[in-house]
Amino acid sequence: MSLGVCLIIYLLALYIGTMLCLRHYLRGQTTETPLVTEVRFALREGQTIVGGGETTQGMDFYIGDSVTDEQYYDV
């Protein structure tokens, strides 16, 4: 066999081995459901959140001149 044919066979075997390992690795993974956070307030038309601050009680969202208090909840 020539050197070129041996190189092609070696690269093909390396590729097949890599694909089999990748397939075995991906088959063993479990997919978790993503955590979804519940929205406790909604903005009215034209309102924008201009800031946010973290306090010991939760998060404060600044909408224009008013402040909406939000509490932390364990998910």
PDB file of N, CA and C in Angstrom:
ATOM      1  N   MET A   1       0.840  -1.187   0.000  1.00  0.00           N
ATOM      2  CA  MET A   1       0.000   0.000   0.000  1.00  0.00           C
ATOM      3  C   MET A   1       0.874   1.236   0.000  1.00  0.00           C
ATOM      4  N   SER A   2       0.389   2.206  -0.695  1.00  0.00           N
ATOM      5  CA  SER A   2       1.156   3.449  -0.728  1.00  0.00           C
ATOM      6  C   SER A   2       0.875   4.259   0.533  1.00  0.00           C
ATOM      7  N   LEU A   3       1.689   5.242   0.790  1.00  0.00           N
ATOM      8  CA  LEU A   3       1.572   6.087   1.971  1.00  0.00           C
ATOM      9  C   LEU A   3       0.273   6.901   1.943  1.00  0.00           C
ATOM     10  N   GLY A   4      -0.157   7.338   0.776  1.00  0.00           N
ATOM     11  CA  GLY A   4      -1.388   8.121   0.652  1.00  0.00           C
ATOM     12  C   GLY A   4      -2.623   7.317   1.032  1.00  0.00           C
ATOM     13  N   VAL A   5      -2.682   6.053   0.618  1.00  0.00           N
ATOM     14  CA  VAL A   5      -3.822   5.199   0.940  1.00  0.00           C
ATOM     15  C   VAL A   5      -3.849   4.902   2.436  1.00  0.00           C
ATOM     16  N   CYS A   6      -2.689   4.652   3.028  1.00  0.00           N
ATOM     17  CA  CYS A   6      -2.612   4.411   4.475  1.00  0.00           C
ATOM     18  C   CYS A   6      -3.073   5.645   5.251  1.00  0.00           C
ATOM     19  N   LEU A   7      -2.706   6.812   4.789  1.00  0.00           N
ATOM     20  CA  LEU A   7      -3.118   8.057   5.447  1.00  0.00           C
ATOM     21  C   LEU A   7      -4.629   8.243   5.368  1.00  0.00           C
ATOM     22  N   ILE A   8      -5.217   7.972   4.215  1.00  0.00           N
ATOM     23  CA  ILE A   8      -6.669   8.105   4.055  1.00  0.00           C
ATOM     24  C   ILE A   8      -7.401   7.107   4.953  1.00  0.00           C
ATOM     25  N   ILE A   9      -6.919   5.862   5.020  1.00  0.00           N
ATOM     26  CA  ILE A   9      -7.545   4.853   5.870  1.00  0.00           C
ATOM     27  C   ILE A   9      -7.414   5.247   7.342  1.00  0.00           C
ATOM     28  N   TYR A  10      -6.250   5.756   7.742  1.00  0.00           N
ATOM     29  CA  TYR A  10      -6.039   6.195   9.122  1.00  0.00           C
ATOM     30  C   TYR A  10      -6.979   7.344   9.478  1.00  0.00           C
ATOM     31  N   LEU A  11      -7.100   8.339   8.608  1.00  0.00           N
ATOM     32  CA  LEU A  11      -7.979   9.472   8.879  1.00  0.00           C
ATOM     33  C   LEU A  11      -9.447   9.045   8.918  1.00  0.00           C
ATOM     34  N   LEU A  12      -9.834   8.118   8.056  1.00  0.00           N
ATOM     35  CA  LEU A  12     -11.203   7.609   8.072  1.00  0.00           C
ATOM     36  C   LEU A  12     -11.494   6.856   9.374  1.00  0.00           C
ATOM     37  N   ALA A  13     -10.560   6.043   9.830  1.00  0.00           N
ATOM     38  CA  ALA A  13     -10.742   5.323  11.098  1.00  0.00           C
ATOM     39  C   ALA A  13     -10.793   6.289  12.274  1.00  0.00           C
ATOM     40  N   LEU A  14      -9.974   7.314  12.251  1.00  0.00           N
ATOM     41  CA  LEU A  14      -9.986   8.333  13.303  1.00  0.00           C
ATOM     42  C   LEU A  14     -11.313   9.079  13.321  1.00  0.00           C
ATOM     43  N   TYR A  15     -11.839   9.422  12.159  1.00  0.00           N
ATOM     44  CA  TYR A  15     -13.119  10.109  12.051  1.00  0.00           C
ATOM     45  C   TYR A  15     -14.261   9.243  12.575  1.00  0.00           C
ATOM     46  N   ILE A  16     -14.295   7.979  12.174  1.00  0.00           N
ATOM     47  CA  ILE A  16     -15.358   7.070  12.611  1.00  0.00           C
ATOM     48  C   ILE A  16     -15.288   6.858  14.128  1.00  0.00           C
ATOM     49  N   GLY A  17     -14.097   6.701  14.655  1.00  0.00           N
ATOM     50  CA  GLY A  17     -13.941   6.536  16.104  1.00  0.00           C
ATOM     51  C   GLY A  17     -14.399   7.772  16.870  1.00  0.00           C
ATOM     52  N   THR A  18     -14.081   8.945  16.370  1.00  0.00           N
ATOM     53  CA  THR A  18     -14.512  10.186  17.005  1.00  0.00           C
ATOM     54  C   THR A  18     -16.022  10.320  16.963  1.00  0.00           C
ATOM     55  N   MET A  19     -16.647   9.997  15.837  1.00  0.00           N
ATOM     56  CA  MET A  19     -18.105  10.094  15.729  1.00  0.00           C
ATOM     57  C   MET A  19     -18.802   9.095  16.652  1.00  0.00           C
ATOM     58  N   LEU A  20     -18.243   7.897  16.810  1.00  0.00           N
ATOM     59  CA  LEU A  20     -18.829   6.916  17.715  1.00  0.00           C
ATOM     60  C   LEU A  20     -18.721   7.365  19.169  1.00  0.00           C
ATOM     61  N   CYS A  21     -17.582   7.936  19.542  1.00  0.00           N
ATOM     62  CA  CYS A  21     -17.425   8.454  20.908  1.00  0.00           C
ATOM     63  C   CYS A  21     -18.376   9.608  21.162  1.00  0.00           C
ATOM     64  N   LEU A  22     -18.525  10.497  20.207  1.00  0.00           N
ATOM     65  CA  LEU A  22     -19.434  11.630  20.355  1.00  0.00           C
ATOM     66  C   LEU A  22     -20.870  11.155  20.468  1.00  0.00           C
ATOM     67  N   ARG A  23     -21.239  10.181  19.680  1.00  0.00           N
ATOM     68  CA  ARG A  23     -22.606   9.637  19.724  1.00  0.00           C
ATOM     69  C   ARG A  23     -22.879   8.968  21.073  1.00  0.00           C
ATOM     70  N   HIS A  24     -21.891   8.231  21.573  1.00  0.00           N
ATOM     71  CA  HIS A  24     -22.035   7.591  22.876  1.00  0.00           C
ATOM     72  C   HIS A  24     -22.162   8.636  23.987  1.00  0.00           C
ATOM     73  N   TYR A  25     -21.395   9.703  23.916  1.00  0.00           N
ATOM     74  CA  TYR A  25     -21.440  10.767  24.918  1.00  0.00           C
ATOM     75  C   TYR A  25     -22.783  11.491  24.881  1.00  0.00           C
ATOM     76  N   LEU A  26     -23.269  11.812  23.699  1.00  0.00           N
ATOM     77  CA  LEU A  26     -24.526  12.550  23.588  1.00  0.00           C
ATOM     78  C   LEU A  26     -25.720  11.687  23.970  1.00  0.00           C
ATOM     79  N   ARG A  27     -25.661  10.405  23.756  1.00  0.00           N
ATOM     80  CA  ARG A  27     -26.760   9.516  24.117  1.00  0.00           C
ATOM     81  C   ARG A  27     -26.896   9.427  25.629  1.00  0.00           C
ATOM     82  N   GLY A  28     -25.806   9.522  26.375  1.00  0.00           N
ATOM     83  CA  GLY A  28     -25.843   9.408  27.820  1.00  0.00           C
ATOM     84  C   GLY A  28     -26.321  10.660  28.533  1.00  0.00           C
ATOM     85  N   GLN A  29     -26.415  11.788  27.838  1.00  0.00           N
ATOM     86  CA  GLN A  29     -26.837  13.024  28.477  1.00  0.00           C
ATOM     87  C   GLN A  29     -28.335  13.036  28.710  1.00  0.00           C
ATOM     88  N   THR A  30     -28.725  13.640  29.815  1.00  0.00           N
ATOM     89  CA  THR A  30     -30.146  13.837  30.079  1.00  0.00           C
ATOM     90  C   THR A  30     -30.444  15.319  29.945  1.00  0.00           C
ATOM     91  N   THR A  31     -31.568  15.625  29.354  1.00  0.00           N
ATOM     92  CA  THR A  31     -31.942  17.021  29.190  1.00  0.00           C
ATOM     93  C   THR A  31     -32.846  17.424  30.345  1.00  0.00           C
ATOM     94  N   GLU A  32     -32.561  18.562  30.933  1.00  0.00           N
ATOM     95  CA  GLU A  32     -33.359  19.073  32.027  1.00  0.00           C
ATOM     96  C   GLU A  32     -34.330  20.112  31.493  1.00  0.00           C
ATOM     97  N   THR A  33     -35.479  20.172  32.109  1.00  0.00           N
ATOM     98  CA  THR A  33     -36.434  21.199  31.703  1.00  0.00           C
ATOM     99  C   THR A  33     -35.930  22.547  32.204  1.00  0.00           C
ATOM    100  N   PRO A  34     -36.013  23.575  31.375  1.00  0.00           N
ATOM    101  CA  PRO A  34     -35.504  24.883  31.786  1.00  0.00           C
ATOM    102  C   PRO A  34     -36.381  25.492  32.880  1.00  0.00           C
ATOM    103  N   LEU A  35     -35.738  26.238  33.762  1.00  0.00           N
ATOM    104  CA  LEU A  35     -36.481  26.919  34.811  1.00  0.00           C
ATOM    105  C   LEU A  35     -37.204  28.117  34.210  1.00  0.00           C
ATOM    106  N   VAL A  36     -38.463  28.249  34.559  1.00  0.00           N
ATOM    107  CA  VAL A  36     -39.257  29.360  34.048  1.00  0.00           C
ATOM    108  C   VAL A  36     -39.642  30.227  35.234  1.00  0.00           C
ATOM    109  N   THR A  37     -39.338  31.511  35.132  1.00  0.00           N
ATOM    110  CA  THR A  37     -39.705  32.423  36.206  1.00  0.00           C
ATOM    111  C   THR A  37     -41.036  33.069  35.884  1.00  0.00           C
ATOM    112  N   GLU A  38     -41.829  33.243  36.914  1.00  0.00           N
ATOM    113  CA  GLU A  38     -43.147  33.833  36.736  1.00  0.00           C
ATOM    114  C   GLU A  38     -43.024  35.355  36.815  1.00  0.00           C
ATOM    115  N   VAL A  39     -43.640  36.033  35.896  1.00  0.00           N
ATOM    116  CA  VAL A  39     -43.611  37.497  35.872  1.00  0.00           C
ATOM    117  C   VAL A  39     -44.676  38.008  36.821  1.00  0.00           C
ATOM    118  N   ARG A  40     -44.285  38.816  37.790  1.00  0.00           N
ATOM    119  CA  ARG A  40     -45.208  39.295  38.810  1.00  0.00           C
ATOM    120  C   ARG A  40     -45.850  40.629  38.442  1.00  0.00           C
ATOM    121  N   PHE A  41     -45.379  41.284  37.417  1.00  0.00           N
ATOM    122  CA  PHE A  41     -45.982  42.545  36.995  1.00  0.00           C
ATOM    123  C   PHE A  41     -45.803  42.692  35.489  1.00  0.00           C
ATOM    124  N   ALA A  42     -46.574  43.557  34.904  1.00  0.00           N
ATOM    125  CA  ALA A  42     -46.477  43.811  33.464  1.00  0.00           C
ATOM    126  C   ALA A  42     -46.434  45.315  33.247  1.00  0.00           C
ATOM    127  N   LEU A  43     -45.715  45.705  32.237  1.00  0.00           N
ATOM    128  CA  LEU A  43     -45.643  47.123  31.895  1.00  0.00           C
ATOM    129  C   LEU A  43     -46.842  47.515  31.050  1.00  0.00           C
ATOM    130  N   ARG A  44     -47.320  48.725  31.296  1.00  0.00           N
ATOM    131  CA  ARG A  44     -48.377  49.258  30.439  1.00  0.00           C
ATOM    132  C   ARG A  44     -47.741  49.848  29.181  1.00  0.00           C
ATOM    133  N   GLU A  45     -48.563  50.113  28.211  1.00  0.00           N
ATOM    134  CA  GLU A  45     -48.070  50.649  26.948  1.00  0.00           C
ATOM    135  C   GLU A  45     -47.377  51.982  27.181  1.00  0.00           C
ATOM    136  N   GLY A  46     -46.176  52.099  26.669  1.00  0.00           N
ATOM    137  CA  GLY A  46     -45.413  53.331  26.792  1.00  0.00           C
ATOM    138  C   GLY A  46     -44.495  53.361  27.997  1.00  0.00           C
ATOM    139  N   GLN A  47     -44.622  52.432  28.943  1.00  0.00           N
ATOM    140  CA  GLN A  47     -43.758  52.410  30.116  1.00  0.00           C
ATOM    141  C   GLN A  47     -42.453  51.684  29.801  1.00  0.00           C
ATOM    142  N   THR A  48     -41.406  52.110  30.474  1.00  0.00           N
ATOM    143  CA  THR A  48     -40.102  51.498  30.306  1.00  0.00           C
ATOM    144  C   THR A  48     -39.456  51.360  31.679  1.00  0.00           C
ATOM    145  N   ILE A  49     -38.739  50.267  31.896  1.00  0.00           N
ATOM    146  CA  ILE A  49     -37.976  50.125  33.133  1.00  0.00           C
ATOM    147  C   ILE A  49     -36.713  50.964  32.972  1.00  0.00           C
ATOM    148  N   VAL A  50     -36.549  51.957  33.855  1.00  0.00           N
ATOM    149  CA  VAL A  50     -35.389  52.837  33.756  1.00  0.00           C
ATOM    150  C   VAL A  50     -34.294  52.455  34.732  1.00  0.00           C
ATOM    151  N   GLY A  51     -34.599  51.494  35.617  1.00  0.00           N
ATOM    152  CA  GLY A  51     -33.566  51.060  36.546  1.00  0.00           C
ATOM    153  C   GLY A  51     -34.047  49.905  37.375  1.00  0.00           C
ATOM    154  N   GLY A  52     -33.138  49.332  38.093  1.00  0.00           N
ATOM    155  CA  GLY A  52     -33.465  48.230  38.985  1.00  0.00           C
ATOM    156  C   GLY A  52     -32.455  48.187  40.099  1.00  0.00           C
ATOM    157  N   GLY A  53     -32.915  47.807  41.277  1.00  0.00           N
ATOM    158  CA  GLY A  53     -32.008  47.736  42.407  1.00  0.00           C
ATOM    159  C   GLY A  53     -32.310  46.533  43.255  1.00  0.00           C
ATOM    160  N   GLU A  54     -31.256  45.910  43.800  1.00  0.00           N
ATOM    161  CA  GLU A  54     -31.426  44.736  44.636  1.00  0.00           C
ATOM    162  C   GLU A  54     -31.405  45.178  46.094  1.00  0.00           C
ATOM    163  N   THR A  55     -32.420  44.779  46.838  1.00  0.00           N
ATOM    164  CA  THR A  55     -32.496  45.084  48.262  1.00  0.00           C
ATOM    165  C   THR A  55     -32.510  43.773  49.033  1.00  0.00           C
ATOM    166  N   THR A  56     -32.544  43.857  50.359  1.00  0.00           N
ATOM    167  CA  THR A  56     -32.583  42.634  51.162  1.00  0.00           C
ATOM    168  C   THR A  56     -33.931  41.940  51.036  1.00  0.00           C
ATOM    169  N   GLN A  57     -34.988  42.676  50.695  1.00  0.00           N
ATOM    170  CA  GLN A  57     -36.315  42.091  50.549  1.00  0.00           C
ATOM    171  C   GLN A  57     -36.576  41.542  49.151  1.00  0.00           C
ATOM    172  N   GLY A  58     -35.857  41.979  48.173  1.00  0.00           N
ATOM    173  CA  GLY A  58     -36.100  41.528  46.802  1.00  0.00           C
ATOM    174  C   GLY A  58     -35.506  42.501  45.802  1.00  0.00           C
ATOM    175  N   MET A  59     -36.172  42.618  44.661  1.00  0.00           N
ATOM    176  CA  MET A  59     -35.732  43.535  43.607  1.00  0.00           C
ATOM    177  C   MET A  59     -36.684  44.716  43.525  1.00  0.00           C
ATOM    178  N   ASP A  60     -36.148  45.905  43.310  1.00  0.00           N
ATOM    179  CA  ASP A  60     -36.947  47.094  43.057  1.00  0.00           C
ATOM    180  C   ASP A  60     -36.755  47.484  41.601  1.00  0.00           C
ATOM    181  N   PHE A  61     -37.870  47.660  40.881  1.00  0.00           N
ATOM    182  CA  PHE A  61     -37.811  48.096  39.496  1.00  0.00           C
ATOM    183  C   PHE A  61     -38.317  49.528  39.428  1.00  0.00           C
ATOM    184  N   TYR A  62     -37.539  50.390  38.826  1.00  0.00           N
ATOM    185  CA  TYR A  62     -37.893  51.804  38.728  1.00  0.00           C
ATOM    186  C   TYR A  62     -38.513  52.065  37.360  1.00  0.00           C
ATOM    187  N   ILE A  63     -39.786  52.416  37.377  1.00  0.00           N
ATOM    188  CA  ILE A  63     -40.527  52.701  36.148  1.00  0.00           C
ATOM    189  C   ILE A  63     -40.917  54.166  36.214  1.00  0.00           C
ATOM    190  N   GLY A  64     -40.175  54.990  35.511  1.00  0.00           N
ATOM    191  CA  GLY A  64     -40.449  56.427  35.586  1.00  0.00           C
ATOM    192  C   GLY A  64     -40.175  56.915  36.997  1.00  0.00           C
ATOM    193  N   ASP A  65     -41.176  57.486  37.689  1.00  0.00           N
ATOM    194  CA  ASP A  65     -41.018  57.994  39.042  1.00  0.00           C
ATOM    195  C   ASP A  65     -41.464  57.001  40.108  1.00  0.00           C
ATOM    196  N   SER A  66     -42.143  55.927  39.734  1.00  0.00           N
ATOM    197  CA  SER A  66     -42.674  54.993  40.720  1.00  0.00           C
ATOM    198  C   SER A  66     -41.761  53.785  40.867  1.00  0.00           C
ATOM    199  N   VAL A  67     -41.916  53.071  41.996  1.00  0.00           N
ATOM    200  CA  VAL A  67     -41.125  51.886  42.284  1.00  0.00           C
ATOM    201  C   VAL A  67     -42.077  50.722  42.503  1.00  0.00           C
ATOM    202  N   THR A  68     -41.824  49.602  41.825  1.00  0.00           N
ATOM    203  CA  THR A  68     -42.603  48.383  42.017  1.00  0.00           C
ATOM    204  C   THR A  68     -41.739  47.406  42.773  1.00  0.00           C
ATOM    205  N   ASP A  69     -42.176  46.959  43.948  1.00  0.00           N
ATOM    206  CA  ASP A  69     -41.393  46.015  44.747  1.00  0.00           C
ATOM    207  C   ASP A  69     -41.692  44.599  44.324  1.00  0.00           C
ATOM    208  N   GLU A  70     -40.656  43.775  44.221  1.00  0.00           N
ATOM    209  CA  GLU A  70     -40.805  42.362  43.886  1.00  0.00           C
ATOM    210  C   GLU A  70     -40.103  41.547  44.963  1.00  0.00           C
ATOM    211  N   GLN A  71     -40.634  40.414  45.272  1.00  0.00           N
ATOM    212  CA  GLN A  71     -40.058  39.521  46.277  1.00  0.00           C
ATOM    213  C   GLN A  71     -39.327  38.377  45.579  1.00  0.00           C
ATOM    214  N   TYR A  72     -38.331  37.795  46.270  1.00  0.00           N
ATOM    215  CA  TYR A  72     -37.679  36.599  45.767  1.00  0.00           C
ATOM    216  C   TYR A  72     -38.537  35.384  46.106  1.00  0.00           C
ATOM    217  N   TYR A  73     -38.642  34.472  45.187  1.00  0.00           N
ATOM    218  CA  TYR A  73     -39.382  33.238  45.419  1.00  0.00           C
ATOM    219  C   TYR A  73     -38.489  32.079  45.020  1.00  0.00           C
ATOM    220  N   ASP A  74     -38.459  31.049  45.841  1.00  0.00           N
ATOM    221  CA  ASP A  74     -37.690  29.848  45.509  1.00  0.00           C
ATOM    222  C   ASP A  74     -38.417  29.084  44.428  1.00  0.00           C
ATOM    223  N   VAL A  75     -37.679  28.742  43.391  1.00  0.00           N
ATOM    224  CA  VAL A  75     -38.278  28.002  42.289  1.00  0.00           C
ATOM    225  C   VAL A  75     -38.031  26.539  42.479  1.00  0.00           C
TER     226      VAL A  75
END
